[in-house]
Amino acid sequence: SGDFLSAVDSIYTYYDGTWKVWHSNSNIPSNLEKLEAGRGYVFIMNSDYTLELSDLHNLLGIIMEAEGASRSPHSIDVSEGWNLIGSTYGEEDDKEKPLEEYFWNIDGSYGSLWMFTSVSSGDIEEIELTHNYNLIPTRAYWIYMTAEGEIIP
């Protein structure tokens, strides 16, 4: 909605060793051209805005359709080192996904996983990789890869 877009200041992502950013102010250069399913994004807001989960489902559909992208990618490329990712969010699969199921094909190729808990205070939480943690579709995750790989959800 227009209310949501006016509340967004900028959107950041980190991919292949570089930061990309989109600014709502067109006078500020941006290098983030599209949103991709499975990537993690950090929204910096101009003002408070509550986005209901049901609204998020519709918003993601509109964004992905406008970008010509699939909401459930066949794979997500990850580079050696740090990657900012998110859990895919499909039409009929709007639930948390177990870490072991989501990372099944990169098992042994990642060493650390962190989740943003509050960007305003800079808090991030390390996730213990030895238990069955569920990835949350609305969160951004830092994953440290010991080798490049491909996440196949």
N, C-alpha and C. Protein backbone atom coordinates (compact mmCIF):
# COMPACT_ATOMS: atom_id res chain seq x y z
N SER A 1 0.85 -1.19 0.00
CA SER A 1 0.00 0.00 0.00
C SER A 1 0.88 1.24 0.00
N GLY A 2 0.27 2.38 -0.35
CA GLY A 2 1.00 3.65 -0.33
C GLY A 2 1.49 3.99 1.06
N ASP A 3 0.72 3.63 2.11
CA ASP A 3 1.14 3.88 3.49
C ASP A 3 2.43 3.14 3.82
N PHE A 4 2.50 1.89 3.39
CA PHE A 4 3.69 1.11 3.66
C PHE A 4 4.90 1.68 2.92
N LEU A 5 4.73 1.94 1.63
CA LEU A 5 5.85 2.47 0.83
C LEU A 5 6.34 3.81 1.35
N SER A 6 5.44 4.66 1.83
CA SER A 6 5.87 5.95 2.36
C SER A 6 6.60 5.79 3.70
N ALA A 7 6.38 4.68 4.39
CA ALA A 7 7.06 4.43 5.66
C ALA A 7 8.47 3.87 5.46
N VAL A 8 8.78 3.35 4.26
CA VAL A 8 10.09 2.73 3.98
C VAL A 8 11.09 3.81 3.59
N ASP A 9 12.22 3.85 4.29
CA ASP A 9 13.32 4.75 3.94
C ASP A 9 14.25 4.07 2.95
N SER A 10 14.67 2.83 3.28
CA SER A 10 15.60 2.12 2.42
C SER A 10 15.51 0.62 2.69
N ILE A 11 16.03 -0.15 1.74
CA ILE A 11 16.07 -1.61 1.85
C ILE A 11 17.49 -2.04 1.53
N TYR A 12 18.07 -2.86 2.41
CA TYR A 12 19.44 -3.34 2.24
C TYR A 12 19.46 -4.86 2.06
N THR A 13 20.43 -5.35 1.30
CA THR A 13 20.74 -6.76 1.24
C THR A 13 22.24 -6.91 1.04
N TYR A 14 22.75 -8.08 1.33
CA TYR A 14 24.17 -8.37 1.20
C TYR A 14 24.30 -9.65 0.38
N TYR A 15 25.01 -9.57 -0.73
CA TYR A 15 25.14 -10.73 -1.60
C TYR A 15 26.48 -10.69 -2.32
N ASP A 16 27.14 -11.84 -2.36
CA ASP A 16 28.41 -11.99 -3.06
C ASP A 16 29.45 -10.98 -2.61
N GLY A 17 29.49 -10.74 -1.29
CA GLY A 17 30.51 -9.87 -0.71
C GLY A 17 30.25 -8.38 -0.82
N THR A 18 29.07 -7.97 -1.27
CA THR A 18 28.78 -6.54 -1.39
C THR A 18 27.38 -6.22 -0.86
N TRP A 19 27.26 -5.00 -0.36
CA TRP A 19 25.96 -4.48 0.06
C TRP A 19 25.26 -3.87 -1.13
N LYS A 20 23.95 -4.07 -1.18
CA LYS A 20 23.11 -3.40 -2.17
C LYS A 20 22.02 -2.68 -1.39
N VAL A 21 21.61 -1.51 -1.90
CA VAL A 21 20.62 -0.70 -1.19
C VAL A 21 19.66 -0.06 -2.18
N TRP A 22 18.41 0.07 -1.76
CA TRP A 22 17.40 0.83 -2.49
C TRP A 22 16.94 1.93 -1.56
N HIS A 23 16.90 3.16 -2.07
CA HIS A 23 16.44 4.32 -1.29
C HIS A 23 15.12 4.81 -1.85
N SER A 24 14.19 5.13 -0.96
CA SER A 24 12.90 5.66 -1.42
C SER A 24 13.07 7.06 -2.01
N ASN A 25 14.09 7.78 -1.56
CA ASN A 25 14.39 9.10 -2.11
C ASN A 25 15.17 8.91 -3.41
N SER A 26 14.55 9.21 -4.53
CA SER A 26 15.20 8.98 -5.83
C SER A 26 16.43 9.86 -6.07
N ASN A 27 16.66 10.85 -5.23
CA ASN A 27 17.85 11.69 -5.34
C ASN A 27 19.09 11.01 -4.78
N ILE A 28 18.88 9.93 -4.03
CA ILE A 28 20.00 9.17 -3.46
C ILE A 28 20.22 7.94 -4.34
N PRO A 29 21.43 7.73 -4.83
CA PRO A 29 21.68 6.58 -5.72
C PRO A 29 21.36 5.25 -5.05
N SER A 30 20.80 4.35 -5.82
CA SER A 30 20.47 3.00 -5.35
C SER A 30 21.10 1.99 -6.31
N ASN A 31 21.49 0.82 -5.76
CA ASN A 31 22.02 -0.23 -6.62
C ASN A 31 21.28 -1.56 -6.45
N LEU A 32 20.22 -1.55 -5.66
CA LEU A 32 19.37 -2.74 -5.51
C LEU A 32 18.21 -2.59 -6.49
N GLU A 33 18.20 -3.45 -7.50
CA GLU A 33 17.23 -3.31 -8.58
C GLU A 33 16.03 -4.22 -8.45
N LYS A 34 16.18 -5.35 -7.75
CA LYS A 34 15.05 -6.27 -7.62
C LYS A 34 15.18 -7.09 -6.34
N LEU A 35 14.06 -7.58 -5.87
CA LEU A 35 14.03 -8.48 -4.72
C LEU A 35 13.99 -9.90 -5.24
N GLU A 36 14.73 -10.79 -4.58
CA GLU A 36 14.79 -12.18 -5.00
C GLU A 36 14.34 -13.08 -3.85
N ALA A 37 13.51 -14.06 -4.17
CA ALA A 37 13.06 -15.02 -3.16
C ALA A 37 14.26 -15.73 -2.56
N GLY A 38 14.25 -15.91 -1.25
CA GLY A 38 15.31 -16.61 -0.56
C GLY A 38 16.44 -15.73 -0.06
N ARG A 39 16.49 -14.50 -0.50
CA ARG A 39 17.49 -13.55 -0.01
C ARG A 39 16.95 -12.86 1.24
N GLY A 40 17.84 -12.36 2.07
CA GLY A 40 17.45 -11.62 3.27
C GLY A 40 17.49 -10.13 2.98
N TYR A 41 16.53 -9.40 3.52
CA TYR A 41 16.44 -7.95 3.33
C TYR A 41 16.20 -7.28 4.67
N VAL A 42 16.83 -6.13 4.84
CA VAL A 42 16.63 -5.32 6.04
C VAL A 42 15.96 -4.03 5.61
N PHE A 43 14.77 -3.78 6.15
CA PHE A 43 14.01 -2.57 5.83
C PHE A 43 14.29 -1.53 6.89
N ILE A 44 14.72 -0.34 6.47
CA ILE A 44 14.90 0.80 7.37
C ILE A 44 13.67 1.69 7.15
N MET A 45 12.98 1.97 8.23
CA MET A 45 11.70 2.66 8.13
C MET A 45 11.82 4.14 8.51
N ASN A 46 11.02 4.99 7.84
CA ASN A 46 10.90 6.40 8.19
C ASN A 46 10.01 6.58 9.42
N SER A 47 9.06 5.69 9.56
CA SER A 47 8.09 5.78 10.66
C SER A 47 7.63 4.38 11.02
N ASP A 48 6.99 4.27 12.18
CA ASP A 48 6.46 2.98 12.62
C ASP A 48 5.40 2.51 11.64
N TYR A 49 5.40 1.23 11.39
CA TYR A 49 4.38 0.64 10.54
C TYR A 49 4.22 -0.82 10.95
N THR A 50 3.00 -1.24 11.17
CA THR A 50 2.73 -2.63 11.53
C THR A 50 2.22 -3.34 10.29
N LEU A 51 2.96 -4.35 9.89
CA LEU A 51 2.59 -5.13 8.72
C LEU A 51 2.08 -6.48 9.22
N GLU A 52 0.81 -6.73 9.05
CA GLU A 52 0.22 -7.98 9.48
C GLU A 52 0.74 -9.11 8.60
N LEU A 53 0.85 -10.31 9.16
CA LEU A 53 1.35 -11.44 8.40
C LEU A 53 0.48 -11.72 7.18
N SER A 54 -0.82 -11.54 7.31
CA SER A 54 -1.70 -11.74 6.15
C SER A 54 -1.41 -10.70 5.07
N ASP A 55 -1.08 -9.47 5.48
CA ASP A 55 -0.70 -8.43 4.51
C ASP A 55 0.63 -8.76 3.86
N LEU A 56 1.55 -9.36 4.64
CA LEU A 56 2.86 -9.72 4.12
C LEU A 56 2.73 -10.72 2.97
N HIS A 57 1.85 -11.69 3.14
CA HIS A 57 1.61 -12.70 2.10
C HIS A 57 1.22 -12.00 0.79
N ASN A 58 0.27 -11.07 0.86
CA ASN A 58 -0.18 -10.34 -0.33
C ASN A 58 0.91 -9.44 -0.88
N LEU A 59 1.63 -8.73 0.01
CA LEU A 59 2.69 -7.82 -0.41
C LEU A 59 3.80 -8.57 -1.15
N LEU A 60 4.22 -9.71 -0.60
CA LEU A 60 5.26 -10.49 -1.26
C LEU A 60 4.81 -10.95 -2.64
N GLY A 61 3.56 -11.34 -2.76
CA GLY A 61 3.04 -11.75 -4.06
C GLY A 61 3.10 -10.62 -5.06
N ILE A 62 2.73 -9.42 -4.65
CA ILE A 62 2.74 -8.25 -5.53
C ILE A 62 4.18 -7.90 -5.93
N ILE A 63 5.09 -7.89 -4.95
CA ILE A 63 6.49 -7.56 -5.24
C ILE A 63 7.10 -8.58 -6.19
N MET A 64 6.91 -9.85 -5.91
CA MET A 64 7.52 -10.89 -6.74
C MET A 64 6.92 -10.88 -8.14
N GLU A 65 5.61 -10.65 -8.25
CA GLU A 65 4.98 -10.59 -9.57
C GLU A 65 5.52 -9.41 -10.36
N ALA A 66 5.66 -8.26 -9.70
CA ALA A 66 6.18 -7.06 -10.37
C ALA A 66 7.62 -7.26 -10.81
N GLU A 67 8.37 -8.03 -10.04
CA GLU A 67 9.77 -8.28 -10.38
C GLU A 67 9.92 -9.43 -11.37
N GLY A 68 8.83 -10.13 -11.65
CA GLY A 68 8.90 -11.27 -12.55
C GLY A 68 9.64 -12.44 -11.95
N ALA A 69 9.65 -12.54 -10.62
CA ALA A 69 10.39 -13.59 -9.94
C ALA A 69 9.44 -14.60 -9.31
N SER A 70 9.95 -15.77 -9.06
CA SER A 70 9.20 -16.81 -8.39
C SER A 70 9.33 -16.64 -6.89
N ARG A 71 8.25 -16.89 -6.15
CA ARG A 71 8.31 -16.80 -4.70
C ARG A 71 8.99 -18.01 -4.10
N SER A 72 9.05 -19.09 -4.81
CA SER A 72 9.70 -20.31 -4.33
C SER A 72 10.78 -20.70 -5.34
N PRO A 73 12.00 -20.19 -5.15
CA PRO A 73 13.05 -20.45 -6.14
C PRO A 73 13.46 -21.91 -6.14
N HIS A 74 14.03 -22.34 -7.24
CA HIS A 74 14.56 -23.69 -7.32
C HIS A 74 15.83 -23.79 -6.49
N SER A 75 16.57 -22.69 -6.38
CA SER A 75 17.80 -22.70 -5.58
C SER A 75 18.21 -21.27 -5.24
N ILE A 76 19.07 -21.17 -4.22
CA ILE A 76 19.62 -19.89 -3.78
C ILE A 76 21.13 -20.05 -3.74
N ASP A 77 21.85 -19.36 -4.60
CA ASP A 77 23.31 -19.43 -4.61
C ASP A 77 23.87 -18.70 -3.39
N VAL A 78 24.84 -19.32 -2.73
CA VAL A 78 25.52 -18.70 -1.60
C VAL A 78 27.02 -18.79 -1.84
N SER A 79 27.72 -17.71 -1.50
CA SER A 79 29.17 -17.62 -1.71
C SER A 79 29.90 -18.07 -0.45
N GLU A 80 31.18 -18.40 -0.62
CA GLU A 80 32.02 -18.65 0.55
C GLU A 80 32.08 -17.36 1.36
N GLY A 81 31.96 -17.44 2.67
CA GLY A 81 31.93 -16.27 3.53
C GLY A 81 30.50 -15.99 3.98
N TRP A 82 30.24 -14.73 4.33
CA TRP A 82 28.93 -14.35 4.88
C TRP A 82 27.92 -14.10 3.77
N ASN A 83 26.69 -14.55 4.00
CA ASN A 83 25.56 -14.35 3.09
C ASN A 83 24.35 -13.94 3.91
N LEU A 84 23.57 -13.01 3.41
CA LEU A 84 22.33 -12.59 4.06
C LEU A 84 21.19 -13.28 3.31
N ILE A 85 20.48 -14.17 3.99
CA ILE A 85 19.44 -14.95 3.34
C ILE A 85 18.13 -14.84 4.12
N GLY A 86 17.08 -15.33 3.51
CA GLY A 86 15.79 -15.45 4.17
C GLY A 86 15.19 -16.79 3.80
N SER A 87 14.16 -17.16 4.50
CA SER A 87 13.44 -18.39 4.19
C SER A 87 12.48 -18.10 3.06
N THR A 88 12.36 -19.01 2.11
CA THR A 88 11.39 -18.80 1.03
C THR A 88 9.99 -18.85 1.62
N TYR A 89 9.07 -18.26 0.91
CA TYR A 89 7.73 -18.05 1.41
C TYR A 89 6.78 -18.35 0.28
N GLY A 90 6.24 -19.58 0.22
CA GLY A 90 5.43 -19.98 -0.91
C GLY A 90 3.95 -19.78 -0.71
N GLU A 91 3.20 -19.94 -1.79
CA GLU A 91 1.75 -19.76 -1.80
C GLU A 91 1.07 -20.54 -0.68
N GLU A 92 1.39 -21.84 -0.57
CA GLU A 92 0.70 -22.67 0.41
C GLU A 92 1.63 -23.11 1.53
N ASP A 93 2.78 -22.49 1.64
CA ASP A 93 3.77 -22.90 2.62
C ASP A 93 4.24 -21.68 3.41
N ASP A 94 3.33 -21.05 4.11
CA ASP A 94 3.63 -19.81 4.82
C ASP A 94 4.08 -20.07 6.25
N LYS A 95 4.79 -21.16 6.47
CA LYS A 95 5.16 -21.56 7.82
C LYS A 95 6.67 -21.54 7.99
N GLU A 96 7.06 -21.66 9.24
CA GLU A 96 8.47 -21.80 9.55
C GLU A 96 8.99 -23.10 8.95
N LYS A 97 10.28 -23.08 8.59
CA LYS A 97 10.88 -24.27 7.97
C LYS A 97 12.02 -24.77 8.84
N PRO A 98 12.06 -26.07 9.13
CA PRO A 98 13.16 -26.61 9.93
C PRO A 98 14.50 -26.40 9.25
N LEU A 99 15.47 -25.94 10.01
CA LEU A 99 16.82 -25.66 9.50
C LEU A 99 17.40 -26.87 8.77
N GLU A 100 17.26 -28.06 9.35
CA GLU A 100 17.83 -29.26 8.73
C GLU A 100 17.23 -29.53 7.36
N GLU A 101 15.93 -29.27 7.19
CA GLU A 101 15.28 -29.48 5.90
C GLU A 101 15.67 -28.41 4.89
N TYR A 102 15.81 -27.18 5.34
CA TYR A 102 16.11 -26.07 4.45
C TYR A 102 17.55 -26.12 3.96
N PHE A 103 18.47 -26.55 4.80
CA PHE A 103 19.90 -26.58 4.47
C PHE A 103 20.41 -27.99 4.19
N TRP A 104 19.54 -28.90 3.82
CA TRP A 104 19.92 -30.30 3.66
C TRP A 104 21.08 -30.50 2.70
N ASN A 105 21.16 -29.75 1.62
CA ASN A 105 22.19 -30.00 0.62
C ASN A 105 23.48 -29.20 0.84
N ILE A 106 23.50 -28.34 1.86
CA ILE A 106 24.74 -27.63 2.19
C ILE A 106 25.25 -28.06 3.57
N ASP A 107 24.71 -29.16 4.09
CA ASP A 107 25.13 -29.67 5.38
C ASP A 107 26.64 -29.87 5.39
N GLY A 108 27.32 -29.34 6.39
CA GLY A 108 28.76 -29.43 6.47
C GLY A 108 29.49 -28.30 5.77
N SER A 109 28.75 -27.43 5.04
CA SER A 109 29.38 -26.31 4.32
C SER A 109 29.11 -24.96 4.98
N TYR A 110 28.47 -24.97 6.13
CA TYR A 110 28.24 -23.72 6.84
C TYR A 110 28.65 -23.88 8.30
N GLY A 111 29.16 -22.78 8.85
CA GLY A 111 29.70 -22.87 10.20
C GLY A 111 29.00 -22.04 11.24
N SER A 112 28.19 -21.07 10.80
CA SER A 112 27.55 -20.18 11.77
C SER A 112 26.28 -19.62 11.15
N LEU A 113 25.26 -19.44 11.98
CA LEU A 113 23.99 -18.86 11.53
C LEU A 113 23.53 -17.87 12.58
N TRP A 114 23.24 -16.66 12.15
CA TRP A 114 22.79 -15.59 13.05
C TRP A 114 21.48 -15.02 12.52
N MET A 115 20.63 -14.53 13.43
CA MET A 115 19.37 -13.94 13.04
C MET A 115 19.27 -12.54 13.65
N PHE A 116 18.81 -11.58 12.82
CA PHE A 116 18.52 -10.25 13.36
C PHE A 116 17.34 -10.35 14.32
N THR A 117 17.47 -9.76 15.52
CA THR A 117 16.33 -9.71 16.43
C THR A 117 15.80 -8.29 16.54
N SER A 118 16.67 -7.31 16.39
CA SER A 118 16.25 -5.91 16.43
C SER A 118 17.33 -5.07 15.78
N VAL A 119 17.05 -4.56 14.59
CA VAL A 119 18.05 -3.76 13.88
C VAL A 119 18.29 -2.44 14.58
N SER A 120 17.24 -1.86 15.19
CA SER A 120 17.38 -0.54 15.81
C SER A 120 18.41 -0.56 16.94
N SER A 121 18.51 -1.68 17.64
CA SER A 121 19.51 -1.75 18.71
C SER A 121 20.73 -2.55 18.28
N GLY A 122 20.73 -3.00 17.03
CA GLY A 122 21.87 -3.74 16.50
C GLY A 122 21.99 -5.16 17.04
N ASP A 123 20.92 -5.67 17.64
CA ASP A 123 20.98 -7.02 18.22
C ASP A 123 20.91 -8.09 17.15
N ILE A 124 21.77 -9.07 17.26
CA ILE A 124 21.63 -10.28 16.47
C ILE A 124 21.79 -11.44 17.43
N GLU A 125 21.18 -12.54 17.10
CA GLU A 125 21.17 -13.71 17.96
C GLU A 125 21.81 -14.87 17.20
N GLU A 126 22.83 -15.52 17.81
CA GLU A 126 23.40 -16.69 17.15
C GLU A 126 22.47 -17.87 17.36
N ILE A 127 22.27 -18.64 16.32
CA ILE A 127 21.39 -19.80 16.40
C ILE A 127 22.26 -21.03 16.54
N GLU A 128 21.96 -21.83 17.53
CA GLU A 128 22.69 -23.07 17.75
C GLU A 128 22.38 -24.02 16.60
N LEU A 129 23.40 -24.47 15.90
CA LEU A 129 23.21 -25.29 14.71
C LEU A 129 23.01 -26.77 15.02
N THR A 130 23.06 -27.15 16.27
CA THR A 130 22.96 -28.57 16.60
C THR A 130 21.55 -29.00 16.99
N HIS A 131 20.59 -28.10 16.92
CA HIS A 131 19.22 -28.51 17.22
C HIS A 131 18.29 -28.12 16.09
N ASN A 132 17.09 -28.59 16.14
CA ASN A 132 16.12 -28.38 15.06
C ASN A 132 15.46 -27.01 15.18
N TYR A 133 16.14 -25.99 14.69
CA TYR A 133 15.63 -24.62 14.70
C TYR A 133 14.76 -24.42 13.46
N ASN A 134 13.66 -23.69 13.59
CA ASN A 134 12.79 -23.37 12.45
C ASN A 134 13.10 -21.98 11.93
N LEU A 135 13.41 -21.86 10.63
CA LEU A 135 13.62 -20.56 9.99
C LEU A 135 12.27 -19.87 9.86
N ILE A 136 12.24 -18.58 10.16
CA ILE A 136 11.00 -17.79 10.17
C ILE A 136 10.96 -16.95 8.90
N PRO A 137 9.87 -17.03 8.11
CA PRO A 137 9.82 -16.34 6.81
C PRO A 137 10.02 -14.82 6.87
N THR A 138 9.74 -14.18 7.98
CA THR A 138 9.86 -12.72 8.04
C THR A 138 11.19 -12.24 8.62
N ARG A 139 12.16 -13.11 8.81
CA ARG A 139 13.44 -12.74 9.40
C ARG A 139 14.57 -12.83 8.40
N ALA A 140 15.61 -12.03 8.63
CA ALA A 140 16.83 -12.08 7.83
C ALA A 140 17.88 -12.84 8.63
N TYR A 141 18.65 -13.68 7.94
CA TYR A 141 19.67 -14.52 8.58
C TYR A 141 21.03 -14.31 7.93
N TRP A 142 22.06 -14.22 8.77
CA TRP A 142 23.44 -14.25 8.30
C TRP A 142 23.90 -15.70 8.38
N ILE A 143 24.40 -16.25 7.28
CA ILE A 143 24.95 -17.61 7.29
C ILE A 143 26.39 -17.52 6.80
N TYR A 144 27.30 -18.16 7.54
CA TYR A 144 28.70 -18.19 7.14
C TYR A 144 28.98 -19.52 6.44
N MET A 145 29.33 -19.41 5.16
CA MET A 145 29.62 -20.60 4.35
C MET A 145 31.11 -20.84 4.31
N THR A 146 31.53 -22.07 4.52
CA THR A 146 32.94 -22.45 4.42
C THR A 146 33.32 -22.78 2.99
N ALA A 147 32.32 -22.91 2.12
CA ALA A 147 32.52 -23.14 0.68
C ALA A 147 31.28 -22.60 -0.02
N GLU A 148 31.41 -22.23 -1.28
CA GLU A 148 30.22 -21.79 -2.00
C GLU A 148 29.26 -22.96 -2.15
N GLY A 149 27.99 -22.63 -2.30
CA GLY A 149 27.01 -23.70 -2.38
C GLY A 149 25.70 -23.21 -2.96
N GLU A 150 24.72 -24.07 -2.84
CA GLU A 150 23.40 -23.78 -3.39
C GLU A 150 22.37 -24.35 -2.43
N ILE A 151 21.50 -23.48 -1.92
CA ILE A 151 20.43 -23.93 -1.05
C ILE A 151 19.26 -24.31 -1.95
N ILE A 152 18.79 -25.53 -1.79
CA ILE A 152 17.65 -26.01 -2.56
C ILE A 152 16.52 -26.26 -1.57
N PRO A 153 15.60 -25.30 -1.43
CA PRO A 153 14.53 -25.42 -0.41
C PRO A 153 13.63 -26.62 -0.67
